[in-house]
């Protein structure tokens, strides 16, 4: 059976379809919290809903601070051990996971939002961490040079080899990578 992947992200269609379904069929608690998280209502923290991370679907996710918010209903009682394992995997990758019960979101929404705001502020204050090194994967490319906000690299050919240039940079002014195109 052929497995389809969504876009270039390597996400199996089944997980992608499930995330889309969960976005359409949010619980009452999730809708209440989403109304307070969406459209950057927490300064410097843009949240996404039903976002796929490491093969898991997070209820709410802020990429800038690697913060995952989960709203747990009665079904999570049956999956408590699975949730614990999943949280451990995500925490090992540098994500913070905060869980709230449906009842708490519905009855104490303001305090839940304040707790999320506090977690965002604390994570914004942390020094940015470099990405984890590749885990002994042969052929893994070296990290790209630091780029300014909004800049991307585009492959180009120049000066005797394949190099990199910042998009929008005129040809002939390539900034070659240290391992390619610098012969002796």
Foldseek 3Di string as FASTA:
>chain_A
DDWDAPDPPRHTPVLVVVLVVCVVVPDPLLVLLCVCQDPCNQPPWHKDAQDADPNHTAGIATPVLLEGEEEDEPVCVVVVVVVVVVQVVSVVQPHHYDYDYSVCSVPPVVVVVVVVSVSVVVSVPDDDDDGDDDDPDPPDDDDDDDDDPPWDWDWDDDLAWIAIAIPPDDPPPTDGDPVINDDD
